[in-house]
């Protein structure tokens, strides 16, 4: 029987703009038309890690938290560019705020790595990062917010989504 959410991370990746992936969360649900072509959903189904489509009705089942992976980057000595949640969206509504805070605390503790986070949920990203900025102290190297080793981005499949998401990214 396949294990649910086993896609995790790798020190090597074919993603040209990253050196590694880190998936403290796997699974997602569709939020816009571009999700119809989601590579993460296709891979998950191809390898039989999940069988349900990534519709909102299955989000509670498909979005899986992996607390055992949260501190993994603390073990990496060599600096790297890390795509966070290549198999999910860190700001998915099924991911509790405290879990996101734990992921952020890990990124805060390892300024030698650059973390790349993409989302289709910029409203939640803005809300969560504002809370983190108000709560966490400056980075270990005394850098002010936003953390210079965390690169935030939005994915937008068309101009309508770009017009919605990019202004929220810029506010974040």
N, C-alpha and C. Protein backbone atom coordinates (compact mmCIF):
# COMPACT_ATOMS: atom_id res chain seq x y z
N UNK A 1 0.85 -1.19 0.00
CA UNK A 1 0.00 0.00 0.00
C UNK A 1 0.89 1.24 0.00
N UNK A 2 0.62 2.21 -0.87
CA UNK A 2 1.45 3.41 -0.95
C UNK A 2 1.32 4.25 0.32
N UNK A 3 2.40 4.92 0.66
CA UNK A 3 2.38 5.80 1.82
C UNK A 3 1.96 7.19 1.40
N UNK A 4 1.03 7.75 2.11
CA UNK A 4 0.50 9.06 1.80
C UNK A 4 1.52 10.14 2.10
N UNK A 5 1.71 11.05 1.13
CA UNK A 5 2.55 12.21 1.35
C UNK A 5 4.03 11.92 1.51
N UNK A 6 4.55 10.88 0.89
CA UNK A 6 5.94 10.52 1.12
C UNK A 6 6.93 11.39 0.35
N UNK A 7 6.49 12.13 -0.66
CA UNK A 7 7.41 13.02 -1.35
C UNK A 7 7.99 13.97 -0.32
N UNK A 8 9.29 14.05 -0.24
CA UNK A 8 9.85 14.90 0.80
C UNK A 8 10.77 15.95 0.23
N UNK A 9 12.04 15.65 0.08
CA UNK A 9 12.99 16.67 -0.32
C UNK A 9 14.17 15.99 -0.95
N UNK A 10 14.99 16.81 -1.54
CA UNK A 10 16.17 16.26 -2.14
C UNK A 10 17.28 17.29 -2.22
N UNK A 11 18.51 16.82 -2.09
CA UNK A 11 19.65 17.71 -2.23
C UNK A 11 19.91 18.04 -3.68
N UNK A 12 19.39 17.25 -4.57
CA UNK A 12 19.49 17.55 -5.99
C UNK A 12 18.09 17.71 -6.53
N UNK A 13 17.92 18.59 -7.48
CA UNK A 13 16.62 18.78 -8.09
C UNK A 13 16.81 19.19 -9.54
N UNK A 14 15.87 18.86 -10.38
CA UNK A 14 15.94 19.29 -11.77
C UNK A 14 15.38 20.70 -11.95
N UNK A 15 14.91 21.30 -10.89
CA UNK A 15 14.41 22.67 -10.94
C UNK A 15 15.63 23.59 -11.06
N UNK A 16 15.74 24.28 -12.17
CA UNK A 16 16.97 25.02 -12.47
C UNK A 16 17.27 26.16 -11.51
N UNK A 17 16.27 26.68 -10.84
CA UNK A 17 16.48 27.82 -9.95
C UNK A 17 16.61 27.42 -8.48
N UNK A 18 16.74 26.13 -8.21
CA UNK A 18 16.89 25.64 -6.84
C UNK A 18 17.96 24.56 -6.78
N UNK A 19 18.54 24.41 -5.59
CA UNK A 19 19.51 23.34 -5.35
C UNK A 19 18.87 22.14 -4.65
N UNK A 20 17.77 22.41 -3.95
CA UNK A 20 17.13 21.36 -3.16
C UNK A 20 15.65 21.70 -2.99
N UNK A 21 14.88 20.71 -2.58
CA UNK A 21 13.48 20.94 -2.21
C UNK A 21 13.30 20.52 -0.76
N UNK A 22 12.32 21.12 -0.11
CA UNK A 22 12.00 20.82 1.29
C UNK A 22 10.49 20.86 1.42
N UNK A 23 9.90 19.74 1.78
CA UNK A 23 8.45 19.62 1.82
C UNK A 23 7.94 19.27 3.22
N UNK A 24 7.87 20.26 4.12
CA UNK A 24 7.26 19.98 5.42
C UNK A 24 5.75 19.76 5.32
N UNK A 25 5.18 20.11 4.15
CA UNK A 25 3.76 19.87 3.87
C UNK A 25 3.69 19.28 2.46
N UNK A 26 2.79 18.33 2.26
CA UNK A 26 2.51 17.82 0.92
C UNK A 26 1.01 17.85 0.70
N UNK A 27 0.62 17.92 -0.55
CA UNK A 27 -0.79 17.94 -0.92
C UNK A 27 -1.34 19.35 -0.98
N UNK A 28 -2.46 19.50 -1.66
CA UNK A 28 -3.02 20.83 -1.88
C UNK A 28 -4.47 20.69 -2.32
N UNK A 29 -5.07 21.80 -2.70
CA UNK A 29 -6.37 21.79 -3.36
C UNK A 29 -6.41 22.96 -4.33
N UNK A 30 -7.20 22.81 -5.37
CA UNK A 30 -7.26 23.81 -6.44
C UNK A 30 -7.88 25.12 -5.96
N UNK A 31 -7.26 26.23 -6.39
CA UNK A 31 -7.80 27.55 -6.06
C UNK A 31 -8.06 28.39 -7.30
N UNK A 32 -7.57 27.95 -8.45
CA UNK A 32 -7.75 28.73 -9.68
C UNK A 32 -7.54 27.83 -10.90
N UNK A 33 -7.86 28.32 -12.08
CA UNK A 33 -7.77 27.49 -13.28
C UNK A 33 -6.38 26.89 -13.53
N UNK A 34 -5.31 27.56 -13.15
CA UNK A 34 -3.96 27.04 -13.37
C UNK A 34 -3.70 25.75 -12.60
N UNK A 35 -4.45 25.52 -11.56
CA UNK A 35 -4.26 24.30 -10.76
C UNK A 35 -4.62 23.03 -11.53
N UNK A 36 -5.36 23.18 -12.61
CA UNK A 36 -5.72 22.03 -13.43
C UNK A 36 -4.49 21.33 -13.98
N UNK A 37 -3.39 22.06 -14.12
CA UNK A 37 -2.17 21.52 -14.71
C UNK A 37 -1.07 21.32 -13.67
N UNK A 38 -1.43 21.16 -12.42
CA UNK A 38 -0.46 21.07 -11.32
C UNK A 38 0.43 19.84 -11.45
N UNK A 39 1.74 20.07 -11.54
CA UNK A 39 2.69 18.95 -11.66
C UNK A 39 2.73 18.15 -10.36
N UNK A 40 2.59 18.82 -9.21
CA UNK A 40 2.66 18.10 -7.93
C UNK A 40 1.50 17.11 -7.81
N UNK A 41 0.33 17.51 -8.22
CA UNK A 41 -0.81 16.59 -8.17
C UNK A 41 -0.58 15.41 -9.11
N UNK A 42 -0.09 15.69 -10.32
CA UNK A 42 0.17 14.60 -11.27
C UNK A 42 1.19 13.61 -10.71
N UNK A 43 2.28 14.13 -10.14
CA UNK A 43 3.29 13.24 -9.58
C UNK A 43 2.74 12.41 -8.42
N UNK A 44 1.97 13.05 -7.58
CA UNK A 44 1.41 12.36 -6.42
C UNK A 44 0.52 11.21 -6.86
N UNK A 45 -0.29 11.44 -7.88
CA UNK A 45 -1.17 10.38 -8.37
C UNK A 45 -0.39 9.33 -9.16
N UNK A 46 0.59 9.77 -9.94
CA UNK A 46 1.38 8.82 -10.73
C UNK A 46 2.07 7.80 -9.82
N UNK A 47 2.58 8.26 -8.69
CA UNK A 47 3.29 7.37 -7.78
C UNK A 47 2.37 6.80 -6.70
N UNK A 48 1.06 7.02 -6.85
CA UNK A 48 0.04 6.43 -5.98
C UNK A 48 0.20 6.82 -4.51
N UNK A 49 0.65 8.04 -4.28
CA UNK A 49 0.77 8.52 -2.91
C UNK A 49 -0.56 9.06 -2.40
N UNK A 50 -1.41 9.46 -3.31
CA UNK A 50 -2.78 9.88 -2.99
C UNK A 50 -3.65 9.43 -4.15
N UNK A 51 -4.90 9.19 -3.86
CA UNK A 51 -5.80 8.78 -4.94
C UNK A 51 -6.90 9.80 -5.19
N UNK A 52 -7.14 10.67 -4.24
CA UNK A 52 -8.22 11.64 -4.39
C UNK A 52 -7.75 12.83 -5.22
N UNK A 53 -8.64 13.37 -6.05
CA UNK A 53 -8.28 14.60 -6.77
C UNK A 53 -8.07 15.74 -5.78
N UNK A 54 -7.32 16.75 -6.19
CA UNK A 54 -7.01 17.85 -5.30
C UNK A 54 -8.11 18.91 -5.31
N UNK A 55 -9.34 18.48 -5.17
CA UNK A 55 -10.46 19.40 -5.04
C UNK A 55 -10.62 19.82 -3.59
N UNK A 56 -11.33 20.92 -3.38
CA UNK A 56 -11.52 21.46 -2.03
C UNK A 56 -12.18 20.43 -1.11
N UNK A 57 -13.05 19.59 -1.65
CA UNK A 57 -13.76 18.61 -0.82
C UNK A 57 -12.83 17.57 -0.22
N UNK A 58 -11.61 17.41 -0.77
CA UNK A 58 -10.66 16.42 -0.26
C UNK A 58 -9.44 17.07 0.42
N UNK A 59 -9.47 18.38 0.61
CA UNK A 59 -8.29 19.08 1.14
C UNK A 59 -7.88 18.55 2.51
N UNK A 60 -8.83 18.29 3.38
CA UNK A 60 -8.48 17.81 4.73
C UNK A 60 -7.75 16.47 4.67
N UNK A 61 -8.03 15.68 3.66
CA UNK A 61 -7.38 14.38 3.50
C UNK A 61 -6.06 14.50 2.73
N UNK A 62 -6.01 15.36 1.73
CA UNK A 62 -4.85 15.45 0.85
C UNK A 62 -3.70 16.29 1.40
N UNK A 63 -3.99 17.29 2.21
CA UNK A 63 -2.93 18.14 2.75
C UNK A 63 -2.37 17.47 4.01
N UNK A 64 -1.09 17.11 3.94
CA UNK A 64 -0.46 16.34 5.02
C UNK A 64 0.70 17.13 5.60
N UNK A 65 0.68 17.31 6.91
CA UNK A 65 1.78 17.96 7.62
C UNK A 65 2.83 16.91 7.97
N UNK A 66 4.11 17.30 7.87
CA UNK A 66 5.21 16.40 8.19
C UNK A 66 6.10 17.06 9.24
N UNK A 67 5.69 17.03 10.51
CA UNK A 67 6.47 17.68 11.56
C UNK A 67 7.90 17.17 11.65
N UNK A 68 8.13 15.92 11.26
CA UNK A 68 9.48 15.35 11.31
C UNK A 68 10.42 15.99 10.30
N UNK A 69 9.90 16.73 9.34
CA UNK A 69 10.73 17.38 8.33
C UNK A 69 11.03 18.86 8.63
N UNK A 70 10.35 19.42 9.61
CA UNK A 70 10.44 20.87 9.83
C UNK A 70 11.88 21.33 10.11
N UNK A 71 12.63 20.57 10.86
CA UNK A 71 13.98 21.00 11.25
C UNK A 71 15.08 20.46 10.33
N UNK A 72 14.72 19.80 9.27
CA UNK A 72 15.71 19.21 8.38
C UNK A 72 16.79 20.22 7.92
N UNK A 73 16.45 21.43 7.48
CA UNK A 73 17.49 22.36 7.02
C UNK A 73 18.52 22.72 8.08
N UNK A 74 18.23 22.49 9.34
CA UNK A 74 19.21 22.78 10.39
C UNK A 74 20.42 21.86 10.28
N UNK A 75 20.25 20.72 9.62
CA UNK A 75 21.35 19.75 9.46
C UNK A 75 22.21 20.04 8.23
N UNK A 76 21.74 20.89 7.34
CA UNK A 76 22.47 21.16 6.11
C UNK A 76 23.56 22.19 6.38
N UNK A 77 24.78 21.84 6.11
CA UNK A 77 25.90 22.77 6.35
C UNK A 77 26.19 23.62 5.12
N UNK A 78 26.20 22.98 3.95
CA UNK A 78 26.51 23.71 2.72
C UNK A 78 25.32 24.60 2.34
N UNK A 79 25.56 25.90 2.10
CA UNK A 79 24.47 26.80 1.70
C UNK A 79 23.80 26.31 0.41
N UNK A 80 22.51 26.49 0.35
CA UNK A 80 21.76 26.07 -0.83
C UNK A 80 20.51 26.92 -1.01
N UNK A 81 20.00 26.93 -2.24
CA UNK A 81 18.71 27.55 -2.55
C UNK A 81 17.66 26.45 -2.44
N UNK A 82 16.69 26.65 -1.60
CA UNK A 82 15.74 25.59 -1.26
C UNK A 82 14.32 26.01 -1.66
N UNK A 83 13.72 25.22 -2.53
CA UNK A 83 12.32 25.42 -2.90
C UNK A 83 11.47 24.79 -1.80
N UNK A 84 10.77 25.63 -1.06
CA UNK A 84 9.94 25.17 0.06
C UNK A 84 8.58 24.73 -0.48
N UNK A 85 8.19 23.52 -0.12
CA UNK A 85 6.89 22.95 -0.51
C UNK A 85 6.72 22.90 -2.02
N UNK A 86 7.63 22.24 -2.67
CA UNK A 86 7.48 22.02 -4.10
C UNK A 86 6.27 21.12 -4.40
N UNK A 87 5.79 20.42 -3.38
CA UNK A 87 4.66 19.51 -3.54
C UNK A 87 3.42 19.98 -2.78
N UNK A 88 3.34 21.30 -2.52
CA UNK A 88 2.21 21.83 -1.76
C UNK A 88 2.25 23.35 -1.80
N UNK A 89 1.44 23.97 -0.96
CA UNK A 89 1.43 25.42 -0.78
C UNK A 89 1.49 25.66 0.73
N UNK A 90 2.58 26.26 1.20
CA UNK A 90 2.76 26.48 2.63
C UNK A 90 1.61 27.28 3.23
N UNK A 91 0.97 28.12 2.43
CA UNK A 91 -0.10 28.98 2.94
C UNK A 91 -1.50 28.43 2.69
N UNK A 92 -1.58 27.13 2.42
CA UNK A 92 -2.88 26.47 2.25
C UNK A 92 -3.68 26.62 3.55
N UNK A 93 -4.97 26.78 3.42
CA UNK A 93 -5.83 26.98 4.60
C UNK A 93 -5.85 25.79 5.55
N UNK A 94 -5.46 24.61 5.10
CA UNK A 94 -5.40 23.44 5.98
C UNK A 94 -4.12 23.40 6.82
N UNK A 95 -3.16 24.27 6.53
CA UNK A 95 -1.91 24.29 7.28
C UNK A 95 -2.08 25.27 8.45
N UNK A 96 -2.03 24.80 9.68
CA UNK A 96 -2.24 25.68 10.83
C UNK A 96 -1.16 26.76 10.93
N UNK A 97 -1.56 27.92 11.41
CA UNK A 97 -0.61 29.03 11.58
C UNK A 97 0.62 28.59 12.37
N UNK A 98 0.42 27.85 13.42
CA UNK A 98 1.56 27.46 14.27
C UNK A 98 2.55 26.58 13.50
N UNK A 99 2.05 25.76 12.60
CA UNK A 99 2.95 24.93 11.79
C UNK A 99 3.78 25.81 10.86
N UNK A 100 3.14 26.80 10.23
CA UNK A 100 3.87 27.75 9.38
C UNK A 100 4.91 28.49 10.22
N UNK A 101 4.55 28.88 11.42
CA UNK A 101 5.49 29.57 12.31
C UNK A 101 6.70 28.69 12.60
N UNK A 102 6.49 27.40 12.80
CA UNK A 102 7.60 26.48 13.04
C UNK A 102 8.52 26.40 11.82
N UNK A 103 7.94 26.34 10.64
CA UNK A 103 8.73 26.32 9.41
C UNK A 103 9.55 27.61 9.32
N UNK A 104 8.91 28.73 9.63
CA UNK A 104 9.59 30.03 9.56
C UNK A 104 10.73 30.12 10.59
N UNK A 105 10.49 29.60 11.76
CA UNK A 105 11.56 29.60 12.78
C UNK A 105 12.78 28.83 12.29
N UNK A 106 12.56 27.74 11.58
CA UNK A 106 13.68 26.99 11.01
C UNK A 106 14.43 27.86 10.00
N UNK A 107 13.71 28.51 9.10
CA UNK A 107 14.36 29.35 8.10
C UNK A 107 15.11 30.51 8.77
N UNK A 108 14.55 31.02 9.84
CA UNK A 108 15.16 32.11 10.60
C UNK A 108 16.49 31.68 11.19
N UNK A 109 16.59 30.40 11.58
CA UNK A 109 17.80 29.89 12.27
C UNK A 109 18.94 29.53 11.33
N UNK A 110 18.70 29.47 10.02
CA UNK A 110 19.75 29.07 9.08
C UNK A 110 19.89 30.10 7.95
N UNK A 111 20.48 31.24 8.27
CA UNK A 111 20.57 32.31 7.27
C UNK A 111 21.50 31.98 6.10
N UNK A 112 22.27 30.90 6.19
CA UNK A 112 23.15 30.53 5.08
C UNK A 112 22.39 29.96 3.89
N UNK A 113 21.15 29.53 4.12
CA UNK A 113 20.33 28.99 3.04
C UNK A 113 19.37 30.07 2.54
N UNK A 114 19.02 29.98 1.27
CA UNK A 114 18.00 30.86 0.70
C UNK A 114 16.77 30.01 0.44
N UNK A 115 15.65 30.41 1.03
CA UNK A 115 14.40 29.66 0.92
C UNK A 115 13.48 30.36 -0.06
N UNK A 116 12.97 29.61 -1.02
CA UNK A 116 12.10 30.14 -2.08
C UNK A 116 10.70 29.58 -1.87
N UNK A 117 9.74 30.48 -1.65
CA UNK A 117 8.37 30.06 -1.36
C UNK A 117 7.44 30.66 -2.40
N UNK A 118 6.70 29.81 -3.10
CA UNK A 118 5.68 30.26 -4.05
C UNK A 118 4.32 29.90 -3.50
N UNK A 119 3.34 30.77 -3.77
CA UNK A 119 1.98 30.50 -3.31
C UNK A 119 0.97 31.03 -4.31
N UNK A 120 -0.20 30.44 -4.28
CA UNK A 120 -1.36 30.98 -4.97
C UNK A 120 -2.34 31.55 -3.94
N UNK A 121 -1.87 31.70 -2.71
CA UNK A 121 -2.69 32.20 -1.60
C UNK A 121 -2.00 33.39 -0.94
N UNK A 122 -1.82 34.49 -1.69
CA UNK A 122 -1.06 35.63 -1.15
C UNK A 122 -1.76 36.36 0.00
N UNK A 123 -3.07 36.25 0.10
CA UNK A 123 -3.76 36.90 1.22
C UNK A 123 -3.28 36.30 2.54
N UNK A 124 -3.22 35.00 2.58
CA UNK A 124 -2.78 34.33 3.81
C UNK A 124 -1.29 34.56 4.03
N UNK A 125 -0.50 34.56 2.98
CA UNK A 125 0.93 34.83 3.11
C UNK A 125 1.14 36.19 3.76
N UNK A 126 0.41 37.18 3.30
CA UNK A 126 0.54 38.53 3.86
C UNK A 126 0.18 38.55 5.34
N UNK A 127 -0.92 37.92 5.68
CA UNK A 127 -1.38 37.89 7.08
C UNK A 127 -0.36 37.17 7.99
N UNK A 128 0.09 36.01 7.57
CA UNK A 128 1.00 35.21 8.39
C UNK A 128 2.36 35.90 8.52
N UNK A 129 2.89 36.43 7.43
CA UNK A 129 4.21 37.08 7.52
C UNK A 129 4.15 38.35 8.35
N UNK A 130 3.03 39.05 8.34
CA UNK A 130 2.90 40.24 9.20
C UNK A 130 2.95 39.83 10.67
N UNK A 131 2.26 38.73 11.01
CA UNK A 131 2.29 38.24 12.38
C UNK A 131 3.71 37.86 12.77
N UNK A 132 4.40 37.15 11.87
CA UNK A 132 5.77 36.72 12.15
C UNK A 132 6.68 37.92 12.35
N UNK A 133 6.54 38.94 11.52
CA UNK A 133 7.37 40.13 11.65
C UNK A 133 7.14 40.81 13.00
N UNK A 134 5.91 40.82 13.44
CA UNK A 134 5.58 41.44 14.73
C UNK A 134 6.02 40.59 15.91
N UNK A 135 6.26 39.30 15.70
CA UNK A 135 6.52 38.37 16.78
C UNK A 135 7.97 37.93 16.91
N UNK A 136 8.59 37.57 15.80
CA UNK A 136 9.97 37.07 15.86
C UNK A 136 10.96 38.22 15.97
N UNK A 137 12.06 38.00 16.66
CA UNK A 137 13.11 39.02 16.71
C UNK A 137 13.82 39.09 15.36
N UNK A 138 14.74 40.04 15.20
CA UNK A 138 15.52 40.07 13.95
C UNK A 138 16.22 38.73 13.73
N UNK A 139 16.62 38.51 12.50
CA UNK A 139 17.32 37.27 12.15
C UNK A 139 18.59 37.13 12.98
N UNK A 140 19.12 35.90 13.07
CA UNK A 140 20.32 35.67 13.90
C UNK A 140 21.48 36.60 13.57
N UNK A 141 21.62 37.03 12.33
CA UNK A 141 22.69 37.96 11.99
C UNK A 141 22.25 39.41 12.17
N UNK A 142 21.16 39.59 12.92
CA UNK A 142 20.58 40.89 13.28
C UNK A 142 20.00 41.64 12.09
N UNK A 143 19.65 40.91 11.04
CA UNK A 143 19.00 41.52 9.89
C UNK A 143 17.56 41.84 10.25
N UNK A 144 17.04 42.96 9.80
CA UNK A 144 15.63 43.29 10.06
C UNK A 144 14.72 42.48 9.13
N UNK A 145 13.43 42.56 9.38
CA UNK A 145 12.47 41.91 8.50
C UNK A 145 12.37 42.69 7.21
N UNK A 146 12.00 42.11 6.12
CA UNK A 146 11.77 40.67 5.98
C UNK A 146 13.09 39.92 5.99
N UNK A 147 13.04 38.66 6.33
CA UNK A 147 14.26 37.87 6.36
C UNK A 147 14.90 37.88 4.97
N UNK A 148 16.16 38.25 4.88
CA UNK A 148 16.79 38.32 3.55
C UNK A 148 17.01 36.96 2.91
N UNK A 149 16.95 35.89 3.68
CA UNK A 149 17.15 34.56 3.11
C UNK A 149 15.84 33.86 2.74
N UNK A 150 14.72 34.58 2.81
CA UNK A 150 13.43 34.03 2.42
C UNK A 150 12.90 34.85 1.26
N UNK A 151 12.77 34.21 0.12
CA UNK A 151 12.24 34.86 -1.08
C UNK A 151 10.80 34.42 -1.28
N UNK A 152 9.89 35.36 -1.25
CA UNK A 152 8.48 35.07 -1.43
C UNK A 152 8.07 35.37 -2.87
N UNK A 153 7.19 34.56 -3.39
CA UNK A 153 6.67 34.78 -4.74
C UNK A 153 5.28 34.23 -4.88
N UNK A 154 4.61 34.66 -5.92
CA UNK A 154 3.29 34.13 -6.24
C UNK A 154 3.36 33.51 -7.63
N UNK A 155 2.56 32.50 -7.85
CA UNK A 155 2.44 31.95 -9.20
C UNK A 155 1.11 32.44 -9.75
N UNK A 156 1.15 32.83 -11.02
CA UNK A 156 -0.04 33.38 -11.67
C UNK A 156 -0.11 32.83 -13.08
N UNK A 157 -1.20 32.17 -13.38
CA UNK A 157 -1.33 31.50 -14.67
C UNK A 157 -1.88 32.38 -15.77
N UNK A 158 -2.39 33.55 -15.42
CA UNK A 158 -2.92 34.47 -16.43
C UNK A 158 -2.90 35.88 -15.87
N UNK A 159 -3.25 36.85 -16.71
CA UNK A 159 -3.17 38.25 -16.29
C UNK A 159 -4.14 38.56 -15.15
N UNK A 160 -5.30 37.97 -15.17
CA UNK A 160 -6.28 38.19 -14.10
C UNK A 160 -5.69 37.79 -12.74
N UNK A 161 -5.06 36.61 -12.67
CA UNK A 161 -4.46 36.15 -11.42
C UNK A 161 -3.24 37.00 -11.05
N UNK A 162 -2.47 37.42 -12.04
CA UNK A 162 -1.33 38.30 -11.78
C UNK A 162 -1.81 39.62 -11.17
N UNK A 163 -2.89 40.17 -11.71
CA UNK A 163 -3.43 41.43 -11.19
C UNK A 163 -3.95 41.28 -9.77
N UNK A 164 -4.43 40.09 -9.41
CA UNK A 164 -4.91 39.82 -8.06
C UNK A 164 -3.75 39.57 -7.08
N UNK A 165 -2.79 38.77 -7.50
CA UNK A 165 -1.78 38.25 -6.58
C UNK A 165 -0.55 39.14 -6.42
N UNK A 166 -0.10 39.75 -7.48
CA UNK A 166 1.14 40.52 -7.39
C UNK A 166 1.02 41.72 -6.45
N UNK A 167 -0.08 42.48 -6.46
CA UNK A 167 -0.19 43.59 -5.49
C UNK A 167 -0.10 43.10 -4.03
N UNK A 168 -0.68 41.93 -3.74
CA UNK A 168 -0.60 41.38 -2.38
C UNK A 168 0.83 40.97 -2.06
N UNK A 169 1.54 40.41 -3.03
CA UNK A 169 2.94 40.07 -2.84
C UNK A 169 3.74 41.34 -2.53
N UNK A 170 3.51 42.39 -3.28
CA UNK A 170 4.25 43.64 -3.06
C UNK A 170 3.94 44.24 -1.68
N UNK A 171 2.71 44.09 -1.21
CA UNK A 171 2.36 44.56 0.13
C UNK A 171 3.01 43.71 1.22
N UNK A 172 3.28 42.47 0.90
CA UNK A 172 3.88 41.56 1.86
C UNK A 172 5.35 41.90 2.05
